[in-house]
Protein backbone atom coordinates (compact mmCIF):
# COMPACT_ATOMS: atom_id res chain seq x y z
CA MET A 1 76.12 93.76 35.19
CA SER A 2 79.36 92.31 36.90
CA GLY A 3 78.01 93.49 40.74
CA TYR A 4 75.09 90.75 40.62
CA TYR A 5 77.74 88.19 40.06
CA ARG A 6 80.23 89.48 42.71
CA LYS A 7 79.42 86.44 45.20
CA PHE A 8 80.83 84.03 42.52
CA ILE A 9 84.05 85.74 41.73
CA LYS A 10 86.93 85.57 44.25
CA ASP A 11 88.45 89.06 45.25
CA TYR A 12 85.65 90.92 43.21
CA ALA A 13 86.28 94.24 44.88
CA LYS A 14 90.06 94.03 44.36
CA ILE A 15 89.47 93.46 40.62
CA ILE A 16 87.16 96.24 39.94
CA ASP A 17 88.72 98.71 42.24
CA PRO A 18 90.27 100.78 39.33
CA LEU A 19 86.77 101.13 37.96
CA ARG A 20 85.10 102.56 40.97
CA ASN A 21 86.31 106.12 40.02
CA LEU A 22 84.42 106.07 36.82
CA LEU A 23 81.18 105.41 38.58
CA LYS A 24 81.36 108.65 40.59
CA LYS A 25 78.69 111.25 39.46
CA GLU A 26 81.05 113.92 38.55
CA ASN A 27 82.96 111.59 36.33
CA GLN A 28 79.83 110.44 34.37
CA ASN A 29 80.51 112.66 31.29
CA ASN A 30 84.21 112.23 31.33
CA ILE A 31 84.80 108.67 31.21
CA GLN A 32 86.97 108.57 28.20
CA SER A 33 89.49 111.03 29.46
CA ILE A 34 89.73 109.30 32.79
CA TRP A 35 89.97 105.67 31.26
CA ASN A 36 93.56 104.50 31.50
CA GLU A 37 95.50 101.03 31.04
CA GLU A 38 94.70 100.19 34.74
CA CYS A 39 90.90 100.74 34.04
CA GLN A 40 91.14 98.60 30.80
CA GLU A 41 92.99 95.69 32.75
CA ALA A 42 90.31 95.73 35.41
CA PHE A 43 87.81 95.39 32.70
CA ASP A 44 89.46 92.77 31.05
CA ASN A 45 90.03 90.90 34.35
CA ILE A 46 86.41 91.20 35.31
CA LYS A 47 85.44 90.13 31.96
CA GLU A 48 87.59 87.16 32.14
CA ALA A 49 86.44 86.14 35.76
CA LEU A 50 82.77 86.06 34.37
CA LYS A 51 83.77 83.76 31.54
CA ARG A 52 85.43 81.30 33.77
CA ASN A 53 83.18 78.59 35.38
CA CYS A 54 81.91 80.16 38.72
CA LEU A 55 81.00 77.33 40.31
CA LEU A 56 79.44 77.42 43.82
CA ASN A 57 77.93 74.67 45.87
CA HIS A 58 74.77 74.43 47.64
CA PRO A 59 75.34 74.53 51.59
CA ASP A 60 74.64 71.30 53.46
CA LEU A 61 72.14 72.76 56.12
CA SER A 62 71.07 69.41 57.78
CA ASN A 63 71.67 69.04 61.47
CA ASN A 64 74.64 66.56 60.97
CA GLY A 65 76.14 68.80 58.22
CA ASN A 66 79.73 69.65 58.63
CA PRO A 67 80.57 73.08 60.07
CA PHE A 68 80.92 76.14 57.70
CA ILE A 69 84.60 77.54 57.24
CA VAL A 70 84.86 81.25 57.11
CA THR A 71 88.30 82.19 55.53
CA SER A 72 89.10 85.98 55.77
CA ASP A 73 91.97 88.02 54.32
CA ALA A 74 92.44 91.71 54.81
CA CYS A 75 94.87 94.29 53.51
CA LYS A 76 95.20 97.99 52.86
CA HIS A 77 92.89 97.56 49.93
CA GLY A 78 89.97 95.59 51.22
CA ILE A 79 88.70 92.44 52.59
CA GLY A 80 88.24 89.14 50.86
CA ALA A 81 86.29 86.32 52.36
CA THR A 82 85.09 83.04 51.36
CA LEU A 83 82.52 80.68 52.92
CA SER A 84 83.09 76.93 52.56
CA GLN A 85 82.16 73.56 53.81
CA MET A 86 83.55 70.00 53.80
CA GLN A 87 81.40 67.99 51.66
CA TYR A 88 82.27 64.51 50.30
CA GLY A 89 85.72 64.72 51.61
CA GLN A 90 86.80 68.04 50.21
CA GLU A 91 86.46 71.80 50.96
CA VAL A 92 83.87 73.26 48.62
CA VAL A 93 83.17 76.92 47.96
CA ILE A 94 79.69 78.23 49.17
CA GLU A 95 80.17 81.87 48.24
CA TYR A 96 82.64 84.61 47.98
CA ALA A 97 82.50 88.16 49.28
CA SER A 98 84.91 91.19 49.00
CA LYS A 99 84.72 94.95 49.83
CA THR A 100 87.09 97.94 49.39
CA LEU A 101 87.99 99.69 52.80
CA LYS A 102 86.78 103.13 53.80
CA PRO A 103 89.93 105.77 53.75
CA TYR A 104 90.15 105.69 57.46
CA GLN A 105 90.13 101.80 57.54
CA THR A 106 93.35 101.74 55.34
CA LYS A 107 95.40 103.13 58.25
CA TYR A 108 94.62 100.43 60.56
CA TRP A 109 97.46 98.27 61.89
CA PRO A 110 97.60 94.66 60.33
CA THR A 111 96.20 93.10 63.47
CA GLU A 112 93.32 95.40 63.52
CA LEU A 113 92.80 94.84 59.63
CA GLU A 114 92.49 91.03 60.25
CA CYS A 115 90.06 91.62 63.01
CA LEU A 116 87.93 93.85 60.88
CA GLY A 117 88.13 91.35 58.16
CA VAL A 118 86.95 88.49 60.48
CA ARG A 119 84.30 90.69 61.90
CA TRP A 120 82.85 91.70 58.54
CA SER A 121 83.30 88.16 57.14
CA ILE A 122 81.01 86.77 59.93
CA GLU A 123 78.49 89.69 59.78
CA HIS A 124 78.31 89.08 55.76
CA PHE A 125 77.85 85.30 55.94
CA HIS A 126 75.64 85.39 59.27
CA HIS A 127 72.64 83.97 57.55
CA TYR A 128 74.39 80.72 57.12
CA LEU A 129 76.27 80.79 60.35
CA GLU A 130 73.75 81.87 63.08
CA GLY A 131 73.05 78.98 65.44
CA ARG A 132 75.69 76.90 63.90
CA HIS A 133 79.29 75.85 64.63
CA PHE A 134 81.93 77.34 62.35
CA GLN A 135 85.77 77.56 61.95
CA ILE A 136 87.54 80.85 61.09
CA LYS A 137 90.80 80.82 58.97
CA THR A 138 92.87 83.73 58.54
CA ASP A 139 96.51 84.31 57.33
CA HIS A 140 97.41 86.57 60.05
CA ARG A 141 99.86 85.48 62.94
CA GLY A 142 99.63 88.10 65.36
């Protein structure tokens, strides 16, 4: 159920990462023996995130609307992204996105990870960004 709400939850992929192993076919009949404290904490965290007020805003798609802001952050565990826009004098969130990295991607240098994060974020939000001006924010100083 939580997968449907992933765009409402900041760092969704990071939160549920300990639970991913339970979804593998070979573990389907073995969940009780695999379940540990880390799984329980992830389960509790995702429940808490679903209970919180997950407020997103509608984008201003008018021709004179403010540009979108794509904020991207990547680390060895995954990529997190936020699509936002200035509306009524404050930055509001339109959508969150996140994904875990493939094993070979975890070996990338920090600069490569940040570039991957920016590229993935733009591709993920492309339906909002195509044909529009937008800003990119990242925390990397490379």
